[in-house]
Structures are given as C-alpha cells and as structure tokens.
Amino acid sequence: MKRFSFSLQLLLGLVVGIALGFVAKVWDVAWLAETLKQVGSLFVQLLKLAVPPLVFTAVLVSVANLRNVNGAARLASKTLMWFLITAFVSVSLAIGLGLLINPGQGVTLDTSAAKATDTQGTWLDFVTGILPTNVVTAFTEVNVLQIVFLGIVLGAAAMAVGEKAEPFLNLARSVLELVQKALWWVIRLAPIGTAGLIGKAVSTYGWELLAPLAKFSAGVYIGCFIVLLAVYPTLLAVWGKVSPVTFFRNAWPAIELAFVSRSSVGTLPLTQRVTVERNGVDRDYASFAVPFGATTKMDGCASVYPALAAIFVAQVFGVPLGFGDYLLIAFVSVVGSAATAGLTGATVMLTLTLSTLGLPLEGVGLLLAIDPILDMIRTATNVTGQMVVPVLVARSEGRLDTATFNAPPQPLDSAPVRRVPEPATA
C-alpha cells in the first residue's frame, strides 16, 4: 500500500466499500453486512477516543503560547464573523432552494405514525453546551465545545501564572505529542474504516428508502453542493485570493473522510492536520479555529438541512410559512448551531428550528429513516467550511503560508514531523 498515496488509499477504500456493500445488499449476505458495520463503527470509535486529549492539550498549549502571538483577539473575532457570514449565506440559499422546489408539496406520508424524537434541542443547550457540569463528564461524553472551553480557561490561567505554570505546560506539550503520534496510527487505518463505513451505508440503505422523499433528499444534496462548489470557491477566490482548486486538492482527504464517517468530531484530527500541513494555516491559529469550528461551524447540518427540512415539514403538515418565519429559520441557523455542540447535531438543530417555528416535532420522525444518507453530504459540507474559514482569516492576517498552500500536497503517509512549538524565551 505504500506505493499508493494516502488520498488514493482512501479512494480505493471507498470503491471497495461500495462494492462489498452492494454484494451484501443484493445477495443478502448478512455476515458481510455485519462485518462492514463493525469495521466502520470500530474506526469511528478509535477516532473519537483520541479527540478529547487532542483537543484539550492542543487548545491549552496554543492559548498559553498566545502570549507570543500578536492580534489574538482580532483573529478570534474575524473567525466568528466569517462563521456567521457563511452560515447566513448558506441558510439563505437553502431557503431560496426550498421555495423553488417545494420539497414537501405533493408528498403523501402517514403522519399519524410519526413520533416526536426524544433528542431535542432548546436554547438552553447553547449555555449548557459550553459550560460543563463537571470536568469528567465533558471528556466522557466527548463534548468538544466544553473541552475547548476547559482548554481555553486553563491555558489563560497558565498565561496569568507565568513561570510557575511551565511544568504543567511541559506536561501538556508531551501529552499532545504522544496523542498525535498514536492518533496517526489510527488515521492510517482510514482506508479500511472507509470501506466499512460506506459499505454499511450501501448495504443498509437503498433507493426504496429515498423514493418517497426523493425531492427533499435531492434538495439537501443540491443545497450542499451549491455551498461546496459555489459559495466556498467564490469566497476563496474573491476574499482569500487563493485558488479554490488548490484548496480542494489539499483538503480532499478530510472531506472524503467526513463524507463516509459522518462525524465532524471524528474527522477533526485529519481536518486540523490538512489545514496546517497542506493549506498552510498558522499552527497556533489553527489549533483554535479548527476545534472551535468542529463544534459550531456546521453549514450542512445547521444551515442547509434545517431550512429545507422546516419547509418540507410545514408543507407536509399543511402549515403556511410567512416572511417572518423564514427570518426565524435564518436566525436559528446563524446563532443556534452552538446549541448542538456535543449532541446529535442535525437532529437537535432540526428540533430547535421546528420548535422555534411552532411546527410539529413529529416531522423529525418522518426524516429519521433517510438521515444517514443525508448526513454524508451534510458532514462533508461542515468540514469543508471548517477549513475554508481558517484559510480566509489566515490569509487576511498574513498567517497563511502561500508556499505550502501552492506546493504539491504534503504526503499524509507518515506522522507529523514538526514538534509542538515551545514558548519563546527572553
């Protein structure tokens, strides 16, 4: 396998997974379907296992090192601004697309059998998603936003304490290097994990599941593709003044893994590495922007999908929506995605949108069957946005290494060679 690049290995895993999934479904090979399911689940579980210590130590060390970085507050505000702008553009396009295709018009489904989901979202989740009830729960439940919060607080405290905190910071740096090394061993299994994940999807879900909701499903994919292939490239070319083609070439391994794994958090380690080593974003800044984006930057799950789903549910249940309702959809998408942190993102975001509009939550039950198929493109859109924004901000702040960005893609076949940066000494 070493003769093939990592990206090609991922592609081969995707092709093999589709073929095996097709065999398992058409010939009803139960053992093969179960094997694919277990392989994919184990891979995602291994990825998520490394996320808490990786995010915590990376953020903590980066915050502590900010004493040597100028304009930290400006970087954070610009990142948040671009998060809001891209979310607003995405949800606006999704609303327009929904009004154009009318995804729920003419759809006849047995709504009496639909049940409201037990996993729901409220505005209180925005606060509880940030502030942990205790330190242990944040790590055991893999609540990335809470882990980021703890890392920021302890990093800031280390900055305030000064020299006395150096032993603690040295320990954090050592843990970070150990986690990165171990994590790369897991990521090298991505071609096998990809085969299992996509094979499970093919063997479990077929067109017969999509057929009654074909217009809505097509709308979600079209909406995400518009964001992926029109909105992001325009921002990169016009505001970032970098080549969109080069960006997607560099970012492709993370986008592909996001598509099959359906997990922004699970893809986070590869997303961060690609952002730094291929797209040339400053490492210290990327340590903030990428984990923060993995919890709050979800143009697929929090913008495109809820907007189209709300229109679909309203049309199926015969509830008219007015101009004010569409403004509410946009508002919830722009400021409410953080409320899904650490939870089942798309489901919670959808229930938050429906409850804000006063639409029946039973509508969520109508869409749960096809959710895994839609979640693939949603997650790929999420992760792409989580890489686009750091590139835009880094470019505007002179923190983008254009030589790295424009160079042939850095091979991902070996562990990172650069060590965690040490703080400057007087």
Protein backbone atom coordinates (compact mmCIF):
# COMPACT_ATOMS: atom_id res chain seq x y z
CA MET A 1 0.00 0.00 0.00
CA LYS A 2 2.95 2.35 0.46
CA ARG A 3 3.21 2.76 -3.30
CA PHE A 4 -0.19 4.50 -3.22
CA SER A 5 -0.71 7.96 -1.73
CA PHE A 6 -2.95 8.27 1.31
CA SER A 7 -5.63 10.04 -0.75
CA LEU A 8 -5.62 7.22 -3.29
CA GLN A 9 -5.84 4.67 -0.48
CA LEU A 10 -8.96 6.44 0.80
CA LEU A 11 -10.45 6.37 -2.68
CA LEU A 12 -9.70 2.67 -3.04
CA GLY A 13 -11.33 2.05 0.33
CA LEU A 14 -14.39 3.93 -0.87
CA VAL A 15 -14.64 1.85 -4.06
CA VAL A 16 -14.10 -1.44 -2.23
CA GLY A 17 -16.68 -0.48 0.39
CA ILE A 18 -19.30 0.34 -2.24
CA ALA A 19 -18.67 -2.98 -3.99
CA LEU A 20 -18.87 -5.01 -0.77
CA GLY A 21 -21.95 -3.13 0.37
CA PHE A 22 -23.62 -3.80 -2.96
CA VAL A 23 -22.83 -7.53 -2.66
CA ALA A 24 -24.17 -7.64 0.89
CA LYS A 25 -27.43 -5.93 -0.10
CA VAL A 26 -28.20 -7.60 -3.42
CA TRP A 27 -27.37 -11.13 -2.29
CA ASP A 28 -28.47 -10.55 1.32
CA VAL A 29 -25.12 -11.57 2.81
CA ALA A 30 -25.86 -10.89 6.46
CA TRP A 31 -22.38 -11.72 7.80
CA LEU A 32 -20.75 -9.34 5.32
CA ALA A 33 -23.13 -6.52 6.20
CA GLU A 34 -22.45 -7.05 9.91
CA THR A 35 -18.69 -7.14 9.31
CA LEU A 36 -18.80 -3.85 7.41
CA LYS A 37 -20.86 -2.31 10.20
CA GLN A 38 -18.43 -3.42 12.91
CA VAL A 39 -15.34 -2.30 10.98
CA GLY A 40 -16.79 1.16 10.39
CA SER A 41 -18.01 1.52 13.97
CA LEU A 42 -14.65 0.50 15.44
CA PHE A 43 -12.81 3.01 13.26
CA VAL A 44 -15.05 5.91 14.30
CA GLN A 45 -14.77 4.80 17.93
CA LEU A 46 -10.97 4.87 17.73
CA LEU A 47 -11.04 8.35 16.22
CA LYS A 48 -13.37 9.69 18.89
CA LEU A 49 -11.22 8.10 21.60
CA ALA A 50 -8.31 10.35 20.68
CA VAL A 51 -10.33 13.54 20.23
CA PRO A 52 -10.71 14.66 23.90
CA PRO A 53 -6.99 14.62 24.84
CA LEU A 54 -6.02 16.01 21.43
CA VAL A 55 -8.40 18.97 21.56
CA PHE A 56 -7.74 19.73 25.24
CA THR A 57 -3.94 19.72 25.04
CA ALA A 58 -3.82 21.47 21.63
CA VAL A 59 -6.05 24.32 22.78
CA LEU A 60 -4.37 24.63 26.17
CA VAL A 61 -0.87 24.80 24.69
CA SER A 62 -1.98 27.18 21.95
CA VAL A 63 -3.64 29.56 24.41
CA ALA A 64 -0.53 29.58 26.58
CA ASN A 65 1.63 30.29 23.52
CA LEU A 66 -0.59 33.23 22.56
CA ARG A 67 1.49 35.40 24.84
CA ASN A 68 3.90 35.43 21.90
CA VAL A 69 1.20 35.94 19.23
CA ASN A 70 0.01 39.40 18.30
CA GLY A 71 -3.65 40.09 17.48
CA ALA A 72 -5.19 37.03 19.18
CA ALA A 73 -8.48 38.87 19.87
CA ARG A 74 -8.66 40.07 16.29
CA LEU A 75 -8.14 36.54 14.98
CA ALA A 76 -10.97 35.22 17.15
CA SER A 77 -13.39 37.98 16.14
CA LYS A 78 -12.62 37.54 12.43
CA THR A 79 -13.16 33.79 12.71
CA LEU A 80 -16.53 34.28 14.37
CA MET A 81 -17.50 36.90 11.79
CA TRP A 82 -16.79 34.52 8.90
CA PHE A 83 -18.66 31.73 10.69
CA LEU A 84 -21.73 33.97 10.85
CA ILE A 85 -21.41 35.24 7.27
CA THR A 86 -21.05 31.80 5.68
CA ALA A 87 -23.88 30.41 7.83
CA PHE A 88 -26.20 33.24 6.75
CA VAL A 89 -25.34 32.81 3.07
CA SER A 90 -25.85 29.03 3.31
CA VAL A 91 -29.24 29.22 5.02
CA SER A 92 -30.42 31.97 2.65
CA LEU A 93 -29.58 29.83 -0.37
CA ALA A 94 -31.29 26.83 1.25
CA ILE A 95 -34.48 28.81 1.90
CA GLY A 96 -34.47 30.03 -1.70
CA LEU A 97 -33.94 26.49 -2.96
CA GLY A 98 -36.76 25.21 -0.73
CA LEU A 99 -39.18 27.80 -2.07
CA LEU A 100 -38.14 26.88 -5.61
CA ILE A 101 -38.50 23.08 -5.38
CA ASN A 102 -41.23 22.86 -2.66
CA PRO A 103 -39.83 19.59 -1.21
CA GLY A 104 -42.99 18.66 0.72
CA GLN A 105 -45.53 19.59 -1.93
CA GLY A 106 -47.49 16.57 -3.13
CA VAL A 107 -45.81 14.24 -0.62
CA THR A 108 -48.33 11.89 0.98
CA LEU A 109 -46.98 10.22 4.10
CA ASP A 110 -48.70 8.63 7.06
CA THR A 111 -48.03 11.39 9.59
CA SER A 112 -50.05 9.60 12.27
CA ALA A 113 -47.27 7.03 12.63
CA ALA A 114 -44.59 9.66 13.09
CA LYS A 115 -43.36 10.32 16.60
CA ALA A 116 -41.54 13.27 18.06
CA THR A 117 -37.88 12.47 18.67
CA ASP A 118 -36.59 12.07 22.20
CA THR A 119 -33.45 14.02 21.28
CA GLN A 120 -34.49 17.64 21.11
CA GLY A 121 -32.76 20.99 21.17
CA THR A 122 -33.57 24.16 23.12
CA TRP A 123 -31.87 27.49 23.54
CA LEU A 124 -30.70 26.40 26.99
CA ASP A 125 -28.48 23.86 25.23
CA PHE A 126 -26.43 26.82 23.99
CA VAL A 127 -25.34 27.59 27.56
CA THR A 128 -25.17 24.03 28.83
CA GLY A 129 -23.23 23.05 25.71
CA ILE A 130 -20.44 25.46 26.68
CA LEU A 131 -20.34 25.21 30.49
CA PRO A 132 -19.60 21.69 31.76
CA THR A 133 -21.34 20.40 34.87
CA ASN A 134 -18.07 18.71 35.79
CA VAL A 135 -14.73 18.11 34.15
CA VAL A 136 -15.08 14.33 33.87
CA THR A 137 -18.42 14.46 32.03
CA ALA A 138 -17.04 16.79 29.37
CA PHE A 139 -14.42 14.17 28.48
CA THR A 140 -16.51 11.01 28.91
CA GLU A 141 -19.31 12.40 26.73
CA VAL A 142 -16.80 13.82 24.20
CA ASN A 143 -18.42 17.26 24.37
CA VAL A 144 -15.86 19.05 22.23
CA LEU A 145 -17.15 22.56 22.92
CA GLN A 146 -16.85 22.00 26.67
CA ILE A 147 -13.36 20.55 26.23
CA VAL A 148 -12.37 23.61 24.20
CA PHE A 149 -13.78 25.82 26.98
CA LEU A 150 -11.73 23.99 29.62
CA GLY A 151 -8.60 24.21 27.48
CA ILE A 152 -9.05 27.94 26.97
CA VAL A 153 -9.63 28.57 30.69
CA LEU A 154 -6.61 26.55 31.83
CA GLY A 155 -4.43 27.98 29.07
CA ALA A 156 -5.39 31.51 30.08
CA ALA A 157 -4.71 30.63 33.72
CA ALA A 158 -1.28 29.31 32.77
CA MET A 159 -0.56 32.58 30.98
CA ALA A 160 -1.56 34.52 34.09
CA VAL A 161 0.52 32.35 36.46
CA GLY A 162 3.59 32.65 34.29
CA GLU A 163 6.79 30.77 35.02
CA LYS A 164 5.26 28.64 37.78
CA ALA A 165 2.96 27.02 35.19
CA GLU A 166 5.82 25.83 32.96
CA PRO A 167 5.96 22.27 34.43
CA PHE A 168 2.24 21.87 33.74
CA LEU A 169 2.62 23.24 30.20
CA ASN A 170 5.59 20.96 29.51
CA LEU A 171 3.44 18.01 30.57
CA ALA A 172 0.63 19.19 28.25
CA ARG A 173 3.10 19.50 25.36
CA SER A 174 4.39 15.98 25.95
CA VAL A 175 0.85 14.55 26.10
CA LEU A 176 -0.02 16.39 22.89
CA GLU A 177 2.92 14.86 21.03
CA LEU A 178 2.08 11.38 22.35
CA VAL A 179 -1.57 11.71 21.31
CA GLN A 180 -0.62 12.97 17.84
CA LYS A 181 1.69 10.00 17.34
CA ALA A 182 -0.88 7.46 18.49
CA LEU A 183 -3.61 9.19 16.54
CA TRP A 184 -1.70 8.90 13.32
CA TRP A 185 -1.62 5.14 13.74
CA VAL A 186 -5.43 5.27 13.83
CA ILE A 187 -5.71 7.59 10.84
CA ARG A 188 -3.53 5.23 8.78
CA LEU A 189 -6.42 2.76 9.14
CA ALA A 190 -8.75 5.20 7.41
CA PRO A 191 -8.87 3.28 4.08
CA ILE A 192 -10.14 0.20 5.95
CA GLY A 193 -12.52 2.29 8.03
CA THR A 194 -13.78 4.00 4.88
CA ALA A 195 -14.58 0.64 3.29
CA GLY A 196 -16.53 -0.40 6.39
CA LEU A 197 -18.46 2.86 6.74
CA ILE A 198 -19.51 3.29 3.12
CA GLY A 199 -20.15 -0.46 2.79
CA LYS A 200 -22.51 -0.35 5.75
CA ALA A 201 -24.38 2.59 4.25
CA VAL A 202 -24.79 0.85 0.88
CA SER A 203 -25.87 -2.45 2.41
CA THR A 204 -28.35 -0.84 4.81
CA TYR A 205 -29.98 1.99 2.86
CA GLY A 206 -31.25 1.79 -0.68
CA TRP A 207 -33.26 3.84 -3.14
CA GLU A 208 -36.51 2.35 -1.89
CA LEU A 209 -35.91 4.32 1.30
CA LEU A 210 -35.23 7.54 -0.60
CA ALA A 211 -38.00 7.25 -3.19
CA PRO A 212 -40.89 8.78 -1.16
CA LEU A 213 -38.63 11.66 -0.13
CA ALA A 214 -36.67 11.96 -3.36
CA LYS A 215 -37.31 15.68 -3.89
CA PHE A 216 -36.31 16.57 -0.34
CA SER A 217 -33.20 14.35 -0.46
CA ALA A 218 -32.15 15.82 -3.81
CA GLY A 219 -32.70 19.30 -2.38
CA VAL A 220 -30.33 18.64 0.53
CA TYR A 221 -27.62 17.34 -1.79
CA ILE A 222 -28.12 20.18 -4.28
CA GLY A 223 -28.08 22.78 -1.50
CA CYS A 224 -24.88 21.37 -0.02
CA PHE A 225 -23.24 21.17 -3.45
CA ILE A 226 -24.10 24.84 -4.08
CA VAL A 227 -22.34 25.77 -0.84
CA LEU A 228 -19.41 23.46 -1.58
CA LEU A 229 -18.90 24.30 -5.25
CA ALA A 230 -20.14 27.89 -5.49
CA VAL A 231 -20.13 29.71 -2.15
CA TYR A 232 -16.82 28.45 -0.77
CA PRO A 233 -14.87 28.77 -4.06
CA THR A 234 -16.17 32.32 -4.51
CA LEU A 235 -15.05 33.32 -1.01
CA LEU A 236 -11.64 31.71 -1.51
CA ALA A 237 -11.08 33.37 -4.89
CA VAL A 238 -12.51 36.82 -4.15
CA TRP A 239 -11.71 37.42 -0.48
CA GLY A 240 -8.97 34.90 0.12
CA LYS A 241 -7.32 35.46 -3.26
CA VAL A 242 -6.26 31.83 -3.38
CA SER A 243 -7.08 29.09 -5.85
CA PRO A 244 -10.25 27.13 -4.93
CA VAL A 245 -8.98 24.20 -7.00
CA THR A 246 -5.77 24.10 -4.98
CA PHE A 247 -7.72 24.34 -1.74
CA PHE A 248 -9.96 21.38 -2.59
CA ARG A 249 -6.96 19.38 -3.80
CA ASN A 250 -5.27 19.96 -0.45
CA ALA A 251 -8.40 19.42 1.65
CA TRP A 252 -9.77 16.38 -0.17
CA PRO A 253 -8.65 13.65 2.32
CA ALA A 254 -10.51 15.36 5.18
CA ILE A 255 -13.61 15.99 3.03
CA GLU A 256 -13.68 12.37 1.88
CA LEU A 257 -13.28 11.03 5.42
CA ALA A 258 -16.03 13.37 6.64
CA PHE A 259 -18.38 12.07 3.95
CA VAL A 260 -18.01 8.43 4.92
CA SER A 261 -17.57 8.83 8.69
CA ARG A 262 -20.46 11.32 9.08
CA SER A 263 -18.63 12.86 12.04
CA SER A 264 -17.03 16.31 12.20
CA VAL A 265 -15.54 15.39 15.57
CA GLY A 266 -14.18 12.09 14.26
CA THR A 267 -12.63 13.87 11.29
CA LEU A 268 -11.19 16.66 13.45
CA PRO A 269 -7.62 15.27 13.73
CA LEU A 270 -7.27 14.93 9.96
CA THR A 271 -9.03 18.26 9.38
CA GLN A 272 -6.53 20.04 11.61
CA ARG A 273 -3.53 18.36 10.04
CA VAL A 274 -4.67 19.13 6.49
CA THR A 275 -5.42 22.75 7.42
CA VAL A 276 -1.88 23.24 8.73
CA GLU A 277 0.30 20.99 6.59
CA ARG A 278 -1.44 21.32 3.23
CA ASN A 279 -3.35 24.60 3.32
CA GLY A 280 -0.57 26.41 5.15
CA VAL A 281 -2.58 27.93 8.00
CA ASP A 282 -0.54 29.03 11.02
CA ARG A 283 -0.44 26.14 13.51
CA ASP A 284 -1.24 28.21 16.62
CA TYR A 285 -4.26 29.82 14.98
CA ALA A 286 -5.49 26.52 13.50
CA SER A 287 -5.41 24.98 16.98
CA PHE A 288 -8.20 27.40 17.88
CA ALA A 289 -10.16 27.72 14.68
CA VAL A 290 -10.47 24.06 13.69
CA PRO A 291 -11.69 22.62 17.04
CA PHE A 292 -13.98 25.61 17.52
CA GLY A 293 -15.35 25.13 14.01
CA ALA A 294 -15.90 21.41 14.61
CA THR A 295 -18.44 22.33 17.30
CA THR A 296 -20.10 25.43 15.87
CA LYS A 297 -19.36 25.67 12.13
CA MET A 298 -21.96 23.41 10.52
CA ASP A 299 -23.25 24.85 7.25
CA GLY A 300 -24.59 21.45 6.23
CA CYS A 301 -26.24 20.32 9.48
CA ALA A 302 -27.20 23.72 10.88
CA SER A 303 -27.99 25.80 7.77
CA VAL A 304 -28.88 23.88 4.61
CA TYR A 305 -30.61 20.88 6.20
CA PRO A 306 -32.81 22.59 8.85
CA ALA A 307 -34.01 25.21 6.37
CA LEU A 308 -35.09 22.65 3.77
CA ALA A 309 -36.46 20.30 6.43
CA ALA A 310 -38.56 23.05 8.04
CA ILE A 311 -40.09 23.92 4.67
CA PHE A 312 -40.69 20.22 3.99
CA VAL A 313 -42.37 19.60 7.36
CA ALA A 314 -44.53 22.72 7.02
CA GLN A 315 -45.74 21.64 3.57
CA VAL A 316 -46.40 18.03 4.62
CA PHE A 317 -48.42 19.10 7.67
CA GLY A 318 -50.13 21.94 5.79
CA VAL A 319 -48.71 24.77 7.91
CA PRO A 320 -48.19 28.03 5.94
CA LEU A 321 -44.92 29.90 6.46
CA GLY A 322 -44.58 33.65 6.11
CA PHE A 323 -41.68 36.05 5.67
CA GLY A 324 -41.19 36.28 9.43
CA ASP A 325 -40.89 32.50 9.66
CA TYR A 326 -38.12 32.46 7.09
CA LEU A 327 -36.29 35.15 9.05
CA LEU A 328 -36.60 32.94 12.13
CA ILE A 329 -35.12 30.00 10.22
CA ALA A 330 -32.15 32.16 9.23
CA PHE A 331 -31.73 33.46 12.79
CA VAL A 332 -31.78 29.98 14.33
CA SER A 333 -29.29 28.68 11.77
CA VAL A 334 -26.85 31.55 12.26
CA VAL A 335 -26.79 31.73 16.06
CA GLY A 336 -28.21 28.40 17.17
CA SER A 337 -25.73 25.85 15.85
CA ALA A 338 -23.63 26.07 19.01
CA ALA A 339 -26.62 24.64 20.88
CA THR A 340 -25.96 21.31 19.16
CA ALA A 341 -22.41 21.00 20.48
CA GLY A 342 -21.73 17.55 21.87
CA LEU A 343 -25.15 16.28 20.77
CA THR A 344 -26.58 14.65 17.67
CA GLY A 345 -26.09 17.75 15.58
CA ALA A 346 -28.63 17.62 12.76
CA THR A 347 -31.47 16.11 14.80
CA VAL A 348 -31.11 18.59 17.64
CA MET A 349 -30.73 21.51 15.25
CA LEU A 350 -33.86 20.44 13.37
CA THR A 351 -35.94 20.13 16.53
CA LEU A 352 -34.67 23.55 17.63
CA THR A 353 -35.77 25.03 14.30
CA LEU A 354 -39.17 23.32 14.29
CA SER A 355 -39.93 24.24 17.90
CA THR A 356 -38.97 27.87 17.27
CA LEU A 357 -41.38 27.98 14.31
CA GLY A 358 -44.10 26.10 16.18
CA LEU A 359 -44.04 23.21 13.68
CA PRO A 360 -44.88 19.66 14.82
CA LEU A 361 -41.82 17.78 16.08
CA GLU A 362 -43.34 14.61 14.64
CA GLY A 363 -41.87 15.86 11.38
CA VAL A 364 -38.45 14.78 12.61
CA GLY A 365 -39.67 11.18 12.75
CA LEU A 366 -40.54 11.31 9.05
CA LEU A 367 -36.92 12.10 8.17
CA LEU A 368 -35.01 9.83 10.54
CA ALA A 369 -35.07 6.85 8.18
CA ILE A 370 -33.06 8.64 5.47
CA ASP A 371 -30.94 10.71 7.85
CA PRO A 372 -27.75 8.59 7.46
CA ILE A 373 -27.77 9.12 3.68
CA LEU A 374 -28.24 12.88 4.03
CA ASP A 375 -25.72 13.10 6.85
CA MET A 376 -22.88 12.18 4.49
CA ILE A 377 -23.10 15.31 2.37
CA ARG A 378 -24.03 17.46 5.38
CA THR A 379 -20.87 16.44 7.24
CA ALA A 380 -18.67 16.90 4.18
CA THR A 381 -20.06 20.44 3.89
CA ASN A 382 -19.47 21.08 7.60
CA VAL A 383 -15.84 20.01 7.49
CA THR A 384 -15.11 21.94 4.30
CA GLY A 385 -16.40 25.11 5.93
CA GLN A 386 -14.25 24.38 8.98
CA MET A 387 -11.21 24.56 6.69
CA VAL A 388 -12.33 27.44 4.46
CA VAL A 389 -12.74 29.97 7.28
CA PRO A 390 -9.24 29.47 8.78
CA VAL A 391 -7.77 29.90 5.30
CA LEU A 392 -9.70 33.17 4.78
CA VAL A 393 -8.74 34.57 8.18
CA ALA A 394 -5.13 33.43 7.98
CA ARG A 395 -4.80 34.97 4.52
CA SER A 396 -6.13 38.33 5.70
CA GLU A 397 -3.84 38.30 8.75
CA GLY A 398 -0.67 37.24 6.97
CA ARG A 399 -0.73 33.84 8.69
CA LEU A 400 -1.13 31.76 5.54
CA ASP A 401 1.99 30.13 4.14
CA THR A 402 1.26 30.51 0.43
CA ALA A 403 4.29 28.40 -0.48
CA THR A 404 2.83 25.48 1.47
CA PHE A 405 -0.65 26.15 0.09
CA ASN A 406 0.50 26.16 -3.55
CA ALA A 407 3.06 23.36 -3.21
CA PRO A 408 2.24 19.79 -4.20
CA PRO A 409 0.12 18.29 -1.39
CA GLN A 410 2.12 17.29 1.66
CA PRO A 411 2.10 13.46 1.84
CA LEU A 412 -0.04 12.16 4.67
CA ASP A 413 1.62 8.78 4.73
CA SER A 414 3.79 9.50 7.76
CA ALA A 415 3.31 11.06 11.14
CA PRO A 416 3.79 14.82 11.51
CA VAL A 417 7.45 15.67 11.90
CA ARG A 418 7.10 19.15 13.34
CA ARG A 419 7.19 19.30 17.10
CA VAL A 420 4.86 21.32 19.31
CA PRO A 421 6.27 24.88 19.33
CA GLU A 422 7.96 25.90 22.56
CA PRO A 423 7.29 29.35 24.03
CA ALA A 424 9.82 32.00 23.20
CA THR A 425 12.36 32.76 25.89
CA ALA A 426 13.68 36.17 26.79
